[in-house]
Amino acid sequence: MRSHLRPLFDRVVIKELDPDRVRRSGLLVPAGSDEPPPQQGIVLAVGPGLDWWDHVGVRMPVKPGDHVVFPASAGTWAEIDEERLLVCRVGELLGVLEQTTDCPACGGRALAEHESCPVCGREGSIA
């Protein structure tokens, strides 16, 4: 039987994505280097928020399925059903990654080889 971790108050449960050690430039950051890879994960569950939030109209800024970025020092790691999960306060999250479909700079046009958009970060084909 699988367990489900239900977060309390303003906490969220996050499944960490495998850290990407290959930077956009193609540089491979070796394991054990001083520079930690970006911490990213998918929100699995969200708590109801704090009791005073309803009175002032504050809603939980993330929902299950959101792709979030968090610092290495965020929250507490728990192992549930052999799965490593992060439980942290929503205030510890750095942001939500969103896909841009209509970029104001490149407009979704095909980019030339080695060309990249400074706004959305899309890169041209290297073929």
N, C-alpha and C. Protein backbone atom coordinates (compact mmCIF):
# COMPACT_ATOMS: atom_id res chain seq x y z
N MET A 1 0.84 -1.18 0.00
CA MET A 1 0.00 0.00 0.00
C MET A 1 0.89 1.24 0.00
N ARG A 2 0.61 2.18 -0.90
CA ARG A 2 1.39 3.42 -1.00
C ARG A 2 0.89 4.45 -0.01
N SER A 3 1.82 5.23 0.48
CA SER A 3 1.47 6.31 1.40
C SER A 3 1.41 7.62 0.64
N HIS A 4 0.60 8.54 1.15
CA HIS A 4 0.49 9.88 0.57
C HIS A 4 0.79 10.88 1.68
N LEU A 5 1.78 11.73 1.46
CA LEU A 5 2.16 12.74 2.45
C LEU A 5 1.33 13.99 2.21
N ARG A 6 0.45 14.32 3.16
CA ARG A 6 -0.41 15.50 3.06
C ARG A 6 0.24 16.62 3.88
N PRO A 7 0.69 17.68 3.23
CA PRO A 7 1.35 18.76 3.97
C PRO A 7 0.36 19.58 4.79
N LEU A 8 0.84 20.11 5.89
CA LEU A 8 0.02 20.95 6.76
C LEU A 8 0.37 22.42 6.56
N PHE A 9 -0.59 23.27 6.84
CA PHE A 9 -0.42 24.73 6.83
C PHE A 9 0.15 25.22 5.50
N ASP A 10 1.27 25.96 5.54
CA ASP A 10 1.81 26.57 4.32
C ASP A 10 2.96 25.74 3.72
N ARG A 11 2.91 24.45 3.94
CA ARG A 11 3.98 23.59 3.44
C ARG A 11 3.59 22.95 2.11
N VAL A 12 4.62 22.60 1.33
CA VAL A 12 4.43 21.90 0.06
C VAL A 12 5.33 20.68 0.02
N VAL A 13 4.92 19.65 -0.71
CA VAL A 13 5.72 18.45 -0.91
C VAL A 13 6.22 18.48 -2.34
N ILE A 14 7.54 18.30 -2.50
CA ILE A 14 8.17 18.42 -3.81
C ILE A 14 9.00 17.17 -4.11
N LYS A 15 8.87 16.67 -5.33
CA LYS A 15 9.72 15.58 -5.80
C LYS A 15 10.83 16.24 -6.61
N GLU A 16 12.07 16.04 -6.17
CA GLU A 16 13.21 16.67 -6.83
C GLU A 16 13.44 16.04 -8.21
N LEU A 17 13.71 16.90 -9.17
CA LEU A 17 14.10 16.43 -10.50
C LEU A 17 15.59 16.18 -10.49
N ASP A 18 16.06 15.29 -11.33
CA ASP A 18 17.50 15.01 -11.38
C ASP A 18 18.23 16.29 -11.72
N PRO A 19 19.26 16.63 -10.93
CA PRO A 19 19.99 17.87 -11.21
C PRO A 19 20.70 17.78 -12.56
N ASP A 20 20.59 18.84 -13.32
CA ASP A 20 21.22 18.90 -14.63
C ASP A 20 22.59 19.54 -14.47
N ARG A 21 23.62 18.76 -14.66
CA ARG A 21 24.97 19.27 -14.47
C ARG A 21 25.58 19.81 -15.77
N VAL A 22 24.81 19.78 -16.87
CA VAL A 22 25.29 20.34 -18.13
C VAL A 22 24.66 21.72 -18.30
N ARG A 23 25.48 22.73 -18.32
CA ARG A 23 25.00 24.10 -18.47
C ARG A 23 24.66 24.38 -19.92
N ARG A 24 23.92 25.45 -20.16
CA ARG A 24 23.50 25.84 -21.51
C ARG A 24 24.72 26.02 -22.43
N SER A 25 25.84 26.47 -21.86
CA SER A 25 27.04 26.68 -22.66
C SER A 25 27.70 25.37 -23.09
N GLY A 26 27.24 24.23 -22.51
CA GLY A 26 27.83 22.94 -22.81
C GLY A 26 28.84 22.51 -21.76
N LEU A 27 29.13 23.39 -20.79
CA LEU A 27 30.08 23.08 -19.73
C LEU A 27 29.48 22.03 -18.80
N LEU A 28 30.24 20.99 -18.50
CA LEU A 28 29.80 19.96 -17.58
C LEU A 28 30.35 20.27 -16.20
N VAL A 29 29.47 20.45 -15.22
CA VAL A 29 29.89 20.72 -13.85
C VAL A 29 30.06 19.38 -13.16
N PRO A 30 31.30 19.02 -12.77
CA PRO A 30 31.52 17.70 -12.17
C PRO A 30 30.88 17.60 -10.79
N ALA A 31 30.49 16.37 -10.43
CA ALA A 31 29.93 16.13 -9.10
C ALA A 31 30.98 16.48 -8.05
N GLY A 32 30.53 17.05 -6.96
CA GLY A 32 31.45 17.41 -5.88
C GLY A 32 32.08 18.77 -6.04
N SER A 33 31.74 19.51 -7.08
CA SER A 33 32.30 20.85 -7.25
C SER A 33 31.62 21.80 -6.27
N ASP A 34 32.19 22.96 -6.09
CA ASP A 34 31.65 23.93 -5.14
C ASP A 34 30.33 24.53 -5.59
N GLU A 35 30.08 24.53 -6.88
CA GLU A 35 28.86 25.13 -7.40
C GLU A 35 27.74 24.09 -7.40
N PRO A 36 26.74 24.24 -6.51
CA PRO A 36 25.66 23.25 -6.52
C PRO A 36 24.77 23.46 -7.74
N PRO A 37 24.25 22.37 -8.30
CA PRO A 37 23.35 22.53 -9.44
C PRO A 37 22.04 23.16 -8.98
N PRO A 38 21.30 23.77 -9.90
CA PRO A 38 20.02 24.35 -9.51
C PRO A 38 19.10 23.26 -8.97
N GLN A 39 18.39 23.57 -7.90
CA GLN A 39 17.45 22.63 -7.30
C GLN A 39 16.09 22.86 -7.94
N GLN A 40 15.57 21.86 -8.60
CA GLN A 40 14.27 21.98 -9.25
C GLN A 40 13.44 20.76 -8.91
N GLY A 41 12.13 20.94 -8.90
CA GLY A 41 11.26 19.81 -8.60
C GLY A 41 9.84 20.07 -9.04
N ILE A 42 9.02 19.06 -8.88
CA ILE A 42 7.60 19.12 -9.22
C ILE A 42 6.81 19.07 -7.92
N VAL A 43 5.88 19.99 -7.76
CA VAL A 43 5.03 20.02 -6.56
C VAL A 43 4.05 18.85 -6.64
N LEU A 44 4.07 18.01 -5.60
CA LEU A 44 3.16 16.87 -5.53
C LEU A 44 1.91 17.18 -4.73
N ALA A 45 2.07 17.93 -3.63
CA ALA A 45 0.94 18.24 -2.75
C ALA A 45 1.15 19.60 -2.12
N VAL A 46 0.04 20.26 -1.81
CA VAL A 46 0.06 21.62 -1.25
C VAL A 46 -0.83 21.65 -0.02
N GLY A 47 -0.34 22.28 1.06
CA GLY A 47 -1.15 22.43 2.26
C GLY A 47 -2.23 23.48 2.06
N PRO A 48 -3.14 23.61 3.03
CA PRO A 48 -4.25 24.55 2.91
C PRO A 48 -3.87 26.02 3.11
N GLY A 49 -2.65 26.28 3.56
CA GLY A 49 -2.24 27.66 3.85
C GLY A 49 -2.41 27.95 5.33
N LEU A 50 -2.09 29.15 5.73
CA LEU A 50 -2.23 29.56 7.13
C LEU A 50 -3.64 30.08 7.38
N ASP A 51 -4.10 29.97 8.61
CA ASP A 51 -5.49 30.33 8.93
C ASP A 51 -5.82 31.79 8.65
N TRP A 52 -4.88 32.69 8.79
CA TRP A 52 -5.17 34.12 8.58
C TRP A 52 -5.17 34.49 7.10
N TRP A 53 -4.70 33.60 6.22
CA TRP A 53 -4.65 33.92 4.80
C TRP A 53 -6.03 34.19 4.23
N ASP A 54 -7.03 33.43 4.66
CA ASP A 54 -8.40 33.61 4.15
C ASP A 54 -8.93 35.01 4.44
N HIS A 55 -8.60 35.54 5.62
CA HIS A 55 -9.12 36.84 6.04
C HIS A 55 -8.57 37.99 5.20
N VAL A 56 -7.37 37.80 4.65
CA VAL A 56 -6.76 38.88 3.87
C VAL A 56 -6.71 38.56 2.37
N GLY A 57 -7.29 37.45 1.97
CA GLY A 57 -7.38 37.11 0.56
C GLY A 57 -6.12 36.53 -0.06
N VAL A 58 -5.26 35.93 0.76
CA VAL A 58 -4.04 35.31 0.24
C VAL A 58 -4.34 33.87 -0.14
N ARG A 59 -3.88 33.46 -1.33
CA ARG A 59 -4.04 32.08 -1.76
C ARG A 59 -2.67 31.44 -1.91
N MET A 60 -2.63 30.12 -1.88
CA MET A 60 -1.38 29.40 -2.07
C MET A 60 -0.88 29.68 -3.49
N PRO A 61 0.36 30.17 -3.65
CA PRO A 61 0.85 30.57 -4.98
C PRO A 61 1.27 29.42 -5.89
N VAL A 62 1.31 28.19 -5.37
CA VAL A 62 1.66 27.05 -6.21
C VAL A 62 0.56 25.99 -6.12
N LYS A 63 0.56 25.11 -7.11
CA LYS A 63 -0.43 24.02 -7.12
C LYS A 63 0.28 22.74 -7.53
N PRO A 64 -0.31 21.59 -7.26
CA PRO A 64 0.31 20.34 -7.68
C PRO A 64 0.57 20.34 -9.18
N GLY A 65 1.75 19.87 -9.55
CA GLY A 65 2.14 19.84 -10.96
C GLY A 65 3.04 20.99 -11.36
N ASP A 66 3.13 22.05 -10.53
CA ASP A 66 4.01 23.18 -10.86
C ASP A 66 5.47 22.75 -10.78
N HIS A 67 6.28 23.28 -11.68
CA HIS A 67 7.72 23.04 -11.73
C HIS A 67 8.37 24.20 -10.97
N VAL A 68 8.98 23.93 -9.81
CA VAL A 68 9.49 24.99 -8.95
C VAL A 68 11.00 24.91 -8.78
N VAL A 69 11.58 26.04 -8.39
CA VAL A 69 13.00 26.15 -8.10
C VAL A 69 13.12 26.50 -6.62
N PHE A 70 14.07 25.85 -5.94
CA PHE A 70 14.25 26.08 -4.51
C PHE A 70 15.73 26.00 -4.16
N PRO A 71 16.16 26.67 -3.07
CA PRO A 71 17.57 26.62 -2.68
C PRO A 71 17.89 25.26 -2.05
N ALA A 72 19.17 24.92 -2.05
CA ALA A 72 19.61 23.65 -1.49
C ALA A 72 19.30 23.56 0.01
N SER A 73 19.17 24.70 0.66
CA SER A 73 18.93 24.72 2.11
C SER A 73 17.45 24.66 2.48
N ALA A 74 16.57 24.55 1.50
CA ALA A 74 15.13 24.61 1.77
C ALA A 74 14.63 23.35 2.46
N GLY A 75 13.76 23.53 3.43
CA GLY A 75 12.96 22.46 4.02
C GLY A 75 13.70 21.28 4.60
N THR A 76 12.97 20.16 4.66
CA THR A 76 13.45 18.92 5.23
C THR A 76 13.16 17.79 4.24
N TRP A 77 14.15 16.92 4.09
CA TRP A 77 13.97 15.78 3.20
C TRP A 77 13.37 14.62 3.97
N ALA A 78 12.41 13.94 3.35
CA ALA A 78 11.76 12.78 3.96
C ALA A 78 11.73 11.66 2.93
N GLU A 79 11.90 10.42 3.39
CA GLU A 79 11.81 9.28 2.48
C GLU A 79 10.48 8.57 2.74
N ILE A 80 9.62 8.61 1.74
CA ILE A 80 8.29 8.00 1.83
C ILE A 80 8.19 6.96 0.73
N ASP A 81 7.93 5.72 1.10
CA ASP A 81 7.83 4.62 0.13
C ASP A 81 9.04 4.59 -0.81
N GLU A 82 10.23 4.70 -0.24
CA GLU A 82 11.49 4.67 -0.98
C GLU A 82 11.63 5.80 -1.99
N GLU A 83 10.92 6.89 -1.77
CA GLU A 83 10.99 8.06 -2.64
C GLU A 83 11.42 9.25 -1.79
N ARG A 84 12.45 9.96 -2.24
CA ARG A 84 12.98 11.11 -1.50
C ARG A 84 12.17 12.35 -1.85
N LEU A 85 11.51 12.93 -0.83
CA LEU A 85 10.65 14.10 -1.04
C LEU A 85 11.10 15.25 -0.16
N LEU A 86 10.92 16.46 -0.66
CA LEU A 86 11.22 17.66 0.10
C LEU A 86 9.92 18.23 0.64
N VAL A 87 9.92 18.55 1.93
CA VAL A 87 8.78 19.25 2.54
C VAL A 87 9.31 20.60 2.99
N CYS A 88 8.76 21.68 2.44
CA CYS A 88 9.24 23.00 2.80
C CYS A 88 8.08 23.99 2.84
N ARG A 89 8.33 25.13 3.44
CA ARG A 89 7.33 26.21 3.45
C ARG A 89 7.30 26.85 2.06
N VAL A 90 6.14 27.30 1.67
CA VAL A 90 5.98 27.90 0.36
C VAL A 90 6.88 29.15 0.23
N GLY A 91 7.15 29.83 1.32
CA GLY A 91 8.00 31.01 1.29
C GLY A 91 9.45 30.71 0.99
N GLU A 92 9.86 29.45 1.11
CA GLU A 92 11.24 29.08 0.81
C GLU A 92 11.46 28.87 -0.69
N LEU A 93 10.39 28.72 -1.45
CA LEU A 93 10.52 28.52 -2.89
C LEU A 93 11.02 29.80 -3.55
N LEU A 94 11.85 29.64 -4.56
CA LEU A 94 12.40 30.80 -5.27
C LEU A 94 11.51 31.24 -6.42
N GLY A 95 10.78 30.29 -7.01
CA GLY A 95 9.91 30.66 -8.12
C GLY A 95 9.33 29.44 -8.80
N VAL A 96 8.44 29.72 -9.75
CA VAL A 96 7.79 28.69 -10.55
C VAL A 96 8.28 28.85 -11.98
N LEU A 97 8.77 27.75 -12.58
CA LEU A 97 9.21 27.79 -13.97
C LEU A 97 7.99 27.65 -14.87
N GLU A 98 7.86 28.56 -15.82
CA GLU A 98 6.73 28.53 -16.74
C GLU A 98 7.25 28.53 -18.16
N GLN A 99 6.59 27.80 -19.03
CA GLN A 99 6.95 27.77 -20.44
C GLN A 99 6.39 29.01 -21.12
N THR A 100 7.23 29.69 -21.89
CA THR A 100 6.76 30.84 -22.65
C THR A 100 6.39 30.37 -24.05
N THR A 101 5.15 30.60 -24.43
CA THR A 101 4.71 30.16 -25.76
C THR A 101 4.70 31.30 -26.76
N ASP A 102 4.54 32.52 -26.29
CA ASP A 102 4.51 33.66 -27.19
C ASP A 102 5.49 34.71 -26.69
N CYS A 103 6.74 34.54 -27.05
CA CYS A 103 7.80 35.44 -26.59
C CYS A 103 7.71 36.77 -27.33
N PRO A 104 7.78 37.91 -26.61
CA PRO A 104 7.72 39.21 -27.28
C PRO A 104 8.96 39.52 -28.11
N ALA A 105 10.09 38.87 -27.80
CA ALA A 105 11.31 39.17 -28.54
C ALA A 105 11.44 38.37 -29.83
N CYS A 106 11.27 37.05 -29.75
CA CYS A 106 11.48 36.23 -30.95
C CYS A 106 10.17 35.82 -31.62
N GLY A 107 9.04 35.95 -30.91
CA GLY A 107 7.74 35.64 -31.48
C GLY A 107 7.56 34.20 -31.89
N GLY A 108 8.41 33.31 -31.40
CA GLY A 108 8.30 31.90 -31.73
C GLY A 108 8.86 31.54 -33.09
N ARG A 109 9.51 32.48 -33.78
CA ARG A 109 10.06 32.21 -35.11
C ARG A 109 11.23 31.23 -35.01
N ALA A 110 11.57 30.61 -36.10
CA ALA A 110 12.72 29.71 -36.14
C ALA A 110 13.99 30.53 -35.96
N LEU A 111 14.85 30.09 -35.06
CA LEU A 111 16.10 30.79 -34.80
C LEU A 111 17.23 30.19 -35.61
N ALA A 112 18.17 31.02 -36.02
CA ALA A 112 19.31 30.56 -36.80
C ALA A 112 20.24 29.73 -35.92
N GLU A 113 21.12 29.01 -36.58
CA GLU A 113 22.09 28.20 -35.87
C GLU A 113 22.92 29.08 -34.92
N HIS A 114 23.09 28.65 -33.70
CA HIS A 114 23.85 29.34 -32.65
C HIS A 114 23.21 30.65 -32.20
N GLU A 115 21.99 30.94 -32.63
CA GLU A 115 21.27 32.13 -32.19
C GLU A 115 20.41 31.77 -30.99
N SER A 116 20.32 32.66 -30.01
CA SER A 116 19.44 32.41 -28.87
C SER A 116 18.66 33.67 -28.55
N CYS A 117 17.47 33.47 -28.02
CA CYS A 117 16.62 34.60 -27.65
C CYS A 117 16.98 35.06 -26.24
N PRO A 118 17.24 36.34 -26.04
CA PRO A 118 17.62 36.83 -24.71
C PRO A 118 16.46 36.85 -23.72
N VAL A 119 15.22 36.76 -24.19
CA VAL A 119 14.06 36.82 -23.31
C VAL A 119 13.63 35.44 -22.87
N CYS A 120 13.32 34.55 -23.82
CA CYS A 120 12.80 33.22 -23.45
C CYS A 120 13.88 32.16 -23.36
N GLY A 121 15.07 32.42 -23.91
CA GLY A 121 16.17 31.48 -23.79
C GLY A 121 16.19 30.38 -24.85
N ARG A 122 15.22 30.40 -25.79
CA ARG A 122 15.24 29.38 -26.83
C ARG A 122 16.51 29.50 -27.66
N GLU A 123 16.98 28.36 -28.14
CA GLU A 123 18.19 28.36 -28.97
C GLU A 123 17.89 27.76 -30.32
N GLY A 124 18.66 28.22 -31.33
CA GLY A 124 18.52 27.69 -32.69
C GLY A 124 19.14 26.31 -32.79
N SER A 125 18.82 25.60 -33.86
CA SER A 125 19.34 24.23 -34.03
C SER A 125 20.83 24.28 -34.32
N ILE A 126 21.49 23.25 -33.84
CA ILE A 126 22.94 23.14 -34.08
C ILE A 126 23.15 21.90 -34.96
N ALA A 127 22.62 21.96 -36.16
CA ALA A 127 22.71 20.78 -37.05
C ALA A 127 23.62 21.06 -38.21
